[in-house]
Structure formats: C-alpha cells, structure tokens
Protein backbone atom coordinates (compact mmCIF):
# COMPACT_ATOMS: atom_id res chain seq x y z
CA MET A 1 69.37 -25.47 125.59
CA SER A 2 71.58 -27.24 123.11
CA ARG A 3 73.73 -25.44 120.59
CA TYR A 4 72.57 -28.05 118.05
CA LYS A 5 69.04 -26.62 118.04
CA THR A 6 70.06 -23.41 116.28
CA GLU A 7 69.75 -23.01 112.54
CA ASN A 8 72.97 -23.40 110.62
CA THR A 9 74.01 -20.61 108.29
CA ILE A 10 75.04 -21.73 104.83
CA LYS A 11 77.16 -19.65 102.50
CA ILE A 12 77.44 -20.13 98.75
CA ASP A 13 80.65 -19.15 96.98
CA LYS A 14 81.01 -17.77 93.44
CA GLU A 15 81.12 -21.29 92.00
CA GLY A 16 77.89 -22.30 93.74
CA LYS A 17 79.55 -24.50 96.37
CA LYS A 18 77.76 -24.58 99.71
CA SER A 19 79.45 -24.63 103.11
CA PHE A 20 78.47 -24.02 106.72
CA VAL A 21 79.51 -20.81 108.44
CA SER A 22 81.43 -21.50 111.64
CA LYS A 23 79.81 -20.38 114.86
CA ILE A 24 81.92 -18.24 117.16
CA LEU A 25 81.77 -19.49 120.71
CA PRO A 26 81.66 -16.95 123.52
CA HIS A 27 84.61 -16.27 125.80
CA ILE A 28 83.84 -17.86 129.16
CA GLY A 29 85.66 -15.96 131.87
CA VAL A 30 86.55 -17.40 135.28
CA ASP A 31 84.00 -16.82 138.02
CA ASP A 32 84.11 -17.43 141.78
CA THR A 33 81.26 -19.93 141.44
CA ASP A 34 83.07 -22.13 138.91
CA ILE A 35 83.75 -25.74 139.83
CA PHE A 36 87.29 -27.11 139.57
CA ILE A 37 87.88 -30.86 139.39
CA TYR A 38 90.86 -33.08 138.73
CA ARG A 39 90.89 -34.61 135.26
CA VAL A 40 90.21 -38.34 135.22
CA ASP A 41 91.44 -40.44 132.30
CA GLY A 42 88.54 -41.85 130.32
CA VAL A 43 86.02 -39.22 131.42
CA GLY A 44 85.13 -37.01 128.50
CA LEU A 45 83.55 -33.60 128.14
CA SER A 46 80.11 -34.97 127.32
CA ALA A 47 80.13 -37.09 130.50
CA LEU A 48 81.05 -34.04 132.59
CA ALA A 49 78.32 -31.98 130.90
CA LYS A 50 75.79 -34.71 131.65
CA GLU A 51 76.90 -34.87 135.29
CA TYR A 52 76.99 -31.12 135.97
CA TYR A 53 74.39 -29.76 133.51
CA ASP A 54 72.21 -32.84 132.92
CA ASP A 55 72.74 -32.26 129.19
CA GLU A 56 75.64 -33.94 127.38
CA THR A 57 75.28 -31.63 124.36
CA LEU A 58 76.63 -28.77 126.49
CA TRP A 59 80.12 -30.32 126.39
CA TRP A 60 81.26 -27.29 124.37
CA VAL A 61 80.76 -25.00 127.42
CA ILE A 62 83.38 -26.96 129.36
CA ALA A 63 85.62 -27.24 126.30
CA LYS A 64 85.54 -23.50 125.67
CA ALA A 65 86.10 -22.67 129.35
CA ASN A 66 89.28 -24.78 129.27
CA ASP A 67 90.35 -24.08 125.66
CA THR A 68 90.37 -27.81 125.02
CA GLY A 69 88.31 -30.47 123.31
CA ILE A 70 88.65 -28.99 119.85
CA ARG A 71 89.02 -32.44 118.35
CA GLY A 72 86.28 -34.71 119.66
CA PHE A 73 85.06 -34.86 123.21
CA GLY A 74 88.38 -35.56 124.91
CA ILE A 75 90.10 -33.46 127.51
CA ASP A 76 93.66 -32.39 126.84
CA LYS A 77 95.91 -34.65 128.93
CA SER A 78 98.11 -31.67 129.76
CA LEU A 79 95.29 -30.33 131.96
CA ASP A 80 95.39 -31.60 135.52
CA VAL A 81 92.44 -29.49 136.64
CA VAL A 82 89.27 -28.90 134.62
CA ARG A 83 87.15 -25.79 135.14
CA ILE A 84 83.41 -26.27 134.90
CA PRO A 85 81.38 -23.07 134.71
CA HIS A 86 78.74 -23.25 137.43
CA PRO A 87 75.31 -24.40 136.19
CA THR A 88 73.78 -21.10 137.33
CA ARG A 89 75.91 -19.36 134.66
CA LEU A 90 74.57 -21.41 131.75
CA ASN A 91 71.80 -18.99 130.75
CA GLU A 92 74.28 -16.11 130.58
CA ILE A 93 76.80 -18.18 128.58
CA ILE A 94 74.20 -19.44 126.13
CA GLN A 95 72.73 -15.95 125.64
CA ASP A 96 76.22 -14.70 124.80
CA TYR A 97 76.27 -17.39 122.13
CA GLY A 98 73.16 -15.89 120.54
CA TYR A 99 70.13 -17.90 121.68
C-alpha cells in the first residue's frame, strides 16, 4: 500500500534531459472518524504512520492531511494538534491517489 511501489513517470525535454514527473497528492478532507493528537517534539510523521497504519511509508497521508512535512518527515512546530485520517479511510485515500 505504499506510494513508493508505483512506477515513476519520466519526461524527456527537447535537449534529451530526463526528469521525474511530480505526483499530485489527493486532497484529504476532514472526517468525523479522524484522529486528533497533540504534537510531541521528536515524533515524526513516519513514526505516527507506523503507529496508526502499521506502515511508515504512509507518512505522506498524515503530511497531506495537515499540509505539513514537505521537507523531510518532520511536523511543523506551529501545529499543536495533528490530524490523522482514520485507518479505515486509507483505501479511499490511496485510490484517490491512483492505485
């Protein structure tokens, strides 16, 4: 269920240079089943994904839900509360991503 298992799309420009095409992540709206926790210093997105989804590679789900974690696996220190989409929503979120 990891986003790393998909094939990357490569584009080639006029000069023959190759580059990866960015993947657009789905919008993850708030749901009544979502889990809200207080941010703890030193606990990153991958650790939260491992705890709640049993898969640390799903850190991007939590990052996208909170519009944070763009650089690395850290959580923006301006967030006091972190929203974790409920594990029962993962299939829907991942399908929206194109799996």
